[in-house]
C-alpha atoms as a PDB file:
ATOM      1  CA  MET A   1      23.340  -0.165   9.125  1.00  0.00           C
ATOM      2  CA  ILE A   2      24.661   1.008   5.499  1.00  0.00           C
ATOM      3  CA  LYS A   3      25.127  -2.551   4.494  1.00  0.00           C
ATOM      4  CA  LEU A   4      21.744  -3.316   5.502  1.00  0.00           C
ATOM      5  CA  ILE A   5      20.498  -0.624   3.683  1.00  0.00           C
ATOM      6  CA  LYS A   6      22.414  -1.335   0.431  1.00  0.00           C
ATOM      7  CA  SER A   7      21.257  -5.098   0.694  1.00  0.00           C
ATOM      8  CA  LEU A   8      17.580  -3.880   0.889  1.00  0.00           C
ATOM      9  CA  LEU A   9      17.875  -1.416  -2.034  1.00  0.00           C
ATOM     10  CA  ALA A  10      19.694  -3.936  -4.205  1.00  0.00           C
ATOM     11  CA  PRO A  11      17.392  -4.395  -7.545  1.00  0.00           C
ATOM     12  CA  LYS A  12      17.105  -8.166  -7.412  1.00  0.00           C
ATOM     13  CA  PHE A  13      15.767  -7.952  -3.806  1.00  0.00           C
ATOM     14  CA  LEU A  14      13.124  -5.268  -4.660  1.00  0.00           C
ATOM     15  CA  PHE A  15      12.302  -7.082  -7.846  1.00  0.00           C
ATOM     16  CA  VAL A  16      11.442 -10.473  -5.884  1.00  0.00           C
ATOM     17  CA  LEU A  17       9.781  -8.122  -3.229  1.00  0.00           C
ATOM     18  CA  ALA A  18       7.425  -6.247  -5.739  1.00  0.00           C
ATOM     19  CA  LEU A  19       6.668  -9.662  -7.736  1.00  0.00           C
ATOM     20  CA  THR A  20       6.057 -11.564  -4.893  1.00  0.00           C
ATOM     21  CA  TYR A  21       3.828  -8.968  -3.333  1.00  0.00           C
ATOM     22  CA  THR A  22       1.953  -8.470  -6.736  1.00  0.00           C
ATOM     23  CA  ILE A  23       1.276 -12.280  -6.841  1.00  0.00           C
ATOM     24  CA  ALA A  24      -0.046 -12.224  -3.247  1.00  0.00           C
ATOM     25  CA  ILE A  25      -2.443  -9.468  -4.151  1.00  0.00           C
ATOM     26  CA  THR A  26      -3.359 -11.285  -7.497  1.00  0.00           C
ATOM     27  CA  VAL A  27      -4.039 -14.681  -5.228  1.00  0.00           C
ATOM     28  CA  GLY A  28      -5.880 -12.812  -2.708  1.00  0.00           C
ATOM     29  CA  SER A  29      -7.857 -10.826  -5.078  1.00  0.00           C
ATOM     30  CA  LEU A  30      -8.973 -14.010  -7.152  1.00  0.00           C
ATOM     31  CA  MET A  31      -9.636 -16.333  -4.568  1.00  0.00           C
ATOM     32  CA  ARG A  32     -13.218 -17.142  -3.473  1.00  0.00           C
ATOM     33  CA  SER A  33     -14.629 -14.935  -0.687  1.00  0.00           C
ATOM     34  CA  GLU A  34     -15.201 -17.988   1.488  1.00  0.00           C
ATOM     35  CA  GLU A  35     -11.586 -18.989   1.283  1.00  0.00           C
ATOM     36  CA  ILE A  36     -10.279 -15.800   2.625  1.00  0.00           C
ATOM     37  CA  PRO A  37      -8.757 -16.346   6.050  1.00  0.00           C
ATOM     38  CA  LYS A  38     -10.384 -14.327   8.592  1.00  0.00           C
ATOM     39  CA  ILE A  39      -8.672 -12.181  10.993  1.00  0.00           C
ATOM     40  CA  GLY A  40      -9.773 -11.554  14.707  1.00  0.00           C
ATOM     41  CA  PHE A  41     -11.384  -8.434  13.740  1.00  0.00           C
ATOM     42  CA  GLU A  42     -13.454  -6.627  11.055  1.00  0.00           C
ATOM     43  CA  ILE A  43     -11.685  -4.108   8.754  1.00  0.00           C
ATOM     44  CA  SER A  44     -13.211  -2.626   5.472  1.00  0.00           C
ATOM     45  CA  ASP A  45     -12.038  -4.187   2.183  1.00  0.00           C
ATOM     46  CA  LYS A  46     -11.541  -0.539   1.187  1.00  0.00           C
ATOM     47  CA  VAL A  47      -8.855   0.065   3.998  1.00  0.00           C
ATOM     48  CA  ILE A  48      -7.068  -3.129   2.865  1.00  0.00           C
ATOM     49  CA  HIS A  49      -7.047  -1.856  -0.911  1.00  0.00           C
ATOM     50  CA  PHE A  50      -6.065   1.463   0.005  1.00  0.00           C
ATOM     51  CA  ILE A  51      -3.066  -0.207   2.003  1.00  0.00           C
ATOM     52  CA  ALA A  52      -2.415  -2.966  -0.439  1.00  0.00           C
ATOM     53  CA  TYR A  53      -2.043  -0.540  -3.558  1.00  0.00           C
ATOM     54  CA  GLY A  54       0.033   1.969  -1.800  1.00  0.00           C
ATOM     55  CA  PHE A  55       2.449  -0.443  -0.875  1.00  0.00           C
ATOM     56  CA  LEU A  56       2.425  -2.105  -4.400  1.00  0.00           C
ATOM     57  CA  LEU A  57       3.245   1.347  -5.667  1.00  0.00           C
ATOM     58  CA  VAL A  58       6.128   1.871  -3.209  1.00  0.00           C
ATOM     59  CA  PHE A  59       7.610  -1.519  -3.793  1.00  0.00           C
ATOM     60  CA  TRP A  60       7.506  -1.208  -7.689  1.00  0.00           C
ATOM     61  CA  PHE A  61       8.782   2.409  -7.625  1.00  0.00           C
ATOM     62  CA  LEU A  62      11.762   1.384  -5.637  1.00  0.00           C
ATOM     63  CA  PHE A  63      12.605  -1.335  -7.893  1.00  0.00           C
ATOM     64  CA  ALA A  64      12.289   0.944 -10.782  1.00  0.00           C
ATOM     65  CA  LEU A  65      14.385   3.878  -9.167  1.00  0.00           C
ATOM     66  CA  THR A  66      17.237   1.281  -8.475  1.00  0.00           C
ATOM     67  CA  THR A  67      17.148  -0.504 -11.616  1.00  0.00           C
ATOM     68  CA  PHE A  68      16.597   2.446 -14.292  1.00  0.00           C
ATOM     69  CA  ARG A  69      19.254   4.604 -12.687  1.00  0.00           C
ATOM     70  CA  ASN A  70      19.213   6.957 -15.719  1.00  0.00           C
ATOM     71  CA  THR A  71      15.544   7.517 -15.511  1.00  0.00           C
ATOM     72  CA  ARG A  72      14.201  10.620 -13.623  1.00  0.00           C
ATOM     73  CA  TYR A  73      12.786  10.170  -9.972  1.00  0.00           C
ATOM     74  CA  ILE A  74       9.319  11.322 -11.165  1.00  0.00           C
ATOM     75  CA  LYS A  75       9.101   9.067 -14.152  1.00  0.00           C
ATOM     76  CA  ASN A  76       9.923   6.167 -12.414  1.00  0.00           C
ATOM     77  CA  LEU A  77       7.229   7.201  -9.756  1.00  0.00           C
ATOM     78  CA  LEU A  78       4.463   7.956 -12.512  1.00  0.00           C
ATOM     79  CA  THR A  79       5.452   4.607 -14.138  1.00  0.00           C
ATOM     80  CA  ALA A  80       4.986   2.648 -11.190  1.00  0.00           C
ATOM     81  CA  ALA A  81       1.890   4.618 -10.294  1.00  0.00           C
ATOM     82  CA  LEU A  82       0.279   3.931 -13.697  1.00  0.00           C
ATOM     83  CA  PHE A  83       1.215   0.164 -13.297  1.00  0.00           C
ATOM     84  CA  SER A  84      -0.417  -0.073  -9.890  1.00  0.00           C
ATOM     85  CA  LEU A  85      -3.536   1.582 -11.146  1.00  0.00           C
ATOM     86  CA  VAL A  86      -4.028  -0.509 -14.267  1.00  0.00           C
ATOM     87  CA  TYR A  87      -2.962  -3.667 -12.592  1.00  0.00           C
ATOM     88  CA  GLY A  88      -5.580  -2.786  -9.966  1.00  0.00           C
ATOM     89  CA  ILE A  89      -8.246  -2.268 -12.708  1.00  0.00           C
ATOM     90  CA  ILE A  90      -7.325  -5.488 -14.251  1.00  0.00           C
ATOM     91  CA  ILE A  91      -7.730  -7.420 -11.152  1.00  0.00           C
ATOM     92  CA  GLU A  92     -11.225  -5.884 -10.493  1.00  0.00           C
ATOM     93  CA  VAL A  93     -12.288  -6.907 -13.885  1.00  0.00           C
ATOM     94  CA  LEU A  94     -10.850 -10.554 -13.404  1.00  0.00           C
ATOM     95  CA  GLN A  95     -12.908 -10.724 -10.012  1.00  0.00           C
ATOM     96  CA  GLY A  96     -15.964 -10.112 -11.886  1.00  0.00           C
ATOM     97  CA  VAL A  97     -15.296 -12.366 -14.580  1.00  0.00           C
ATOM     98  CA  MET A  98     -13.459 -15.357 -13.138  1.00  0.00           C
ATOM     99  CA  VAL A  99     -14.692 -15.525  -9.324  1.00  0.00           C
ATOM    100  CA  LEU A 100     -18.308 -16.593  -8.920  1.00  0.00           C
ATOM    101  CA  SER A 101     -18.367 -15.513  -5.207  1.00  0.00           C
ATOM    102  CA  ARG A 102     -17.095 -12.019  -6.023  1.00  0.00           C
ATOM    103  CA  GLN A 103     -17.775  -9.291  -8.076  1.00  0.00           C
ATOM    104  CA  ALA A 104     -15.893  -6.286  -9.809  1.00  0.00           C
ATOM    105  CA  ASP A 105     -16.260  -3.103  -7.507  1.00  0.00           C
ATOM    106  CA  PHE A 106     -15.825   0.445  -8.803  1.00  0.00           C
ATOM    107  CA  GLN A 107     -15.233   1.509  -5.112  1.00  0.00           C
ATOM    108  CA  ASP A 108     -12.458  -0.882  -4.883  1.00  0.00           C
ATOM    109  CA  VAL A 109     -10.705   0.866  -7.923  1.00  0.00           C
ATOM    110  CA  ILE A 110     -11.349   4.220  -6.077  1.00  0.00           C
ATOM    111  CA  ALA A 111      -9.804   2.815  -2.907  1.00  0.00           C
ATOM    112  CA  ASN A 112      -6.656   1.454  -4.858  1.00  0.00           C
ATOM    113  CA  PHE A 113      -6.317   4.906  -6.576  1.00  0.00           C
ATOM    114  CA  ALA A 114      -6.517   6.691  -3.422  1.00  0.00           C
ATOM    115  CA  GLY A 115      -3.804   4.366  -1.938  1.00  0.00           C
ATOM    116  CA  ILE A 116      -1.684   4.913  -4.751  1.00  0.00           C
ATOM    117  CA  THR A 117      -2.226   8.522  -4.759  1.00  0.00           C
ATOM    118  CA  PHE A 118      -1.426   8.757  -0.854  1.00  0.00           C
ATOM    119  CA  ALA A 119       1.878   6.620  -1.569  1.00  0.00           C
ATOM    120  CA  PHE A 120       2.727   8.973  -4.594  1.00  0.00           C
ATOM    121  CA  LEU A 121       2.440  12.170  -2.504  1.00  0.00           C
ATOM    122  CA  ILE A 122       4.727  10.602   0.348  1.00  0.00           C
ATOM    123  CA  LEU A 123       7.158   9.400  -2.026  1.00  0.00           C
ATOM    124  CA  VAL A 124       7.307  12.844  -3.572  1.00  0.00           C
ATOM    125  CA  LEU A 125       7.709  14.198  -0.218  1.00  0.00           C
ATOM    126  CA  LEU A 126      10.566  12.033   0.768  1.00  0.00           C
ATOM    127  CA  ARG A 127      12.302  12.600  -2.570  1.00  0.00           C
ATOM    128  CA  ASN A 128      15.607  14.031  -1.119  1.00  0.00           C
ATOM    129  CA  LYS A 129      15.783  11.360   1.586  1.00  0.00           C
ATOM    130  CA  ILE A 130      15.363   8.610  -1.076  1.00  0.00           C
ATOM    131  CA  ILE A 131      17.769   9.906  -3.523  1.00  0.00           C
ATOM    132  CA  THR A 132      20.178  10.149  -0.684  1.00  0.00           C
ATOM    133  CA  LEU A 133      19.518   6.433   0.133  1.00  0.00           C
ATOM    134  CA  LYS A 134      19.990   5.589  -3.519  1.00  0.00           C
ATOM    135  CA  SER A 135      23.257   7.147  -3.771  1.00  0.00           C
ATOM    136  CA  ILE A 136      24.608   5.124  -0.738  1.00  0.00           C
ATOM    137  CA  ASN A 137      23.921   2.127  -3.186  1.00  0.00           C
END
């Protein structure tokens, strides 16, 4: 189990995970609305934004935490949160400019911010457990 945790917390793995996830959000956000695959049930796009950007923060934070070992936990967390928020704003602007069938939506930015804030608070609450896992690596 320890070996699995070590491999999952490896900086290279976390970088690939965070980058792939970021690219997936970019592609999903910038594709035409008619091209978005339908799932078997309706879900608010605000919920999707909340969840997607919460995970975006988690993935980039874990990468930063394992890569920049001399940087404080909260500084890594704030940096990842700021990156996630700015990225979300840029994506919304690009939707309004580049995709004819979609438009920029300030409520999406609010949902992104809410997801980032929720994930931020969870990561603050789990700080001691995460630092313990980090020390295993």
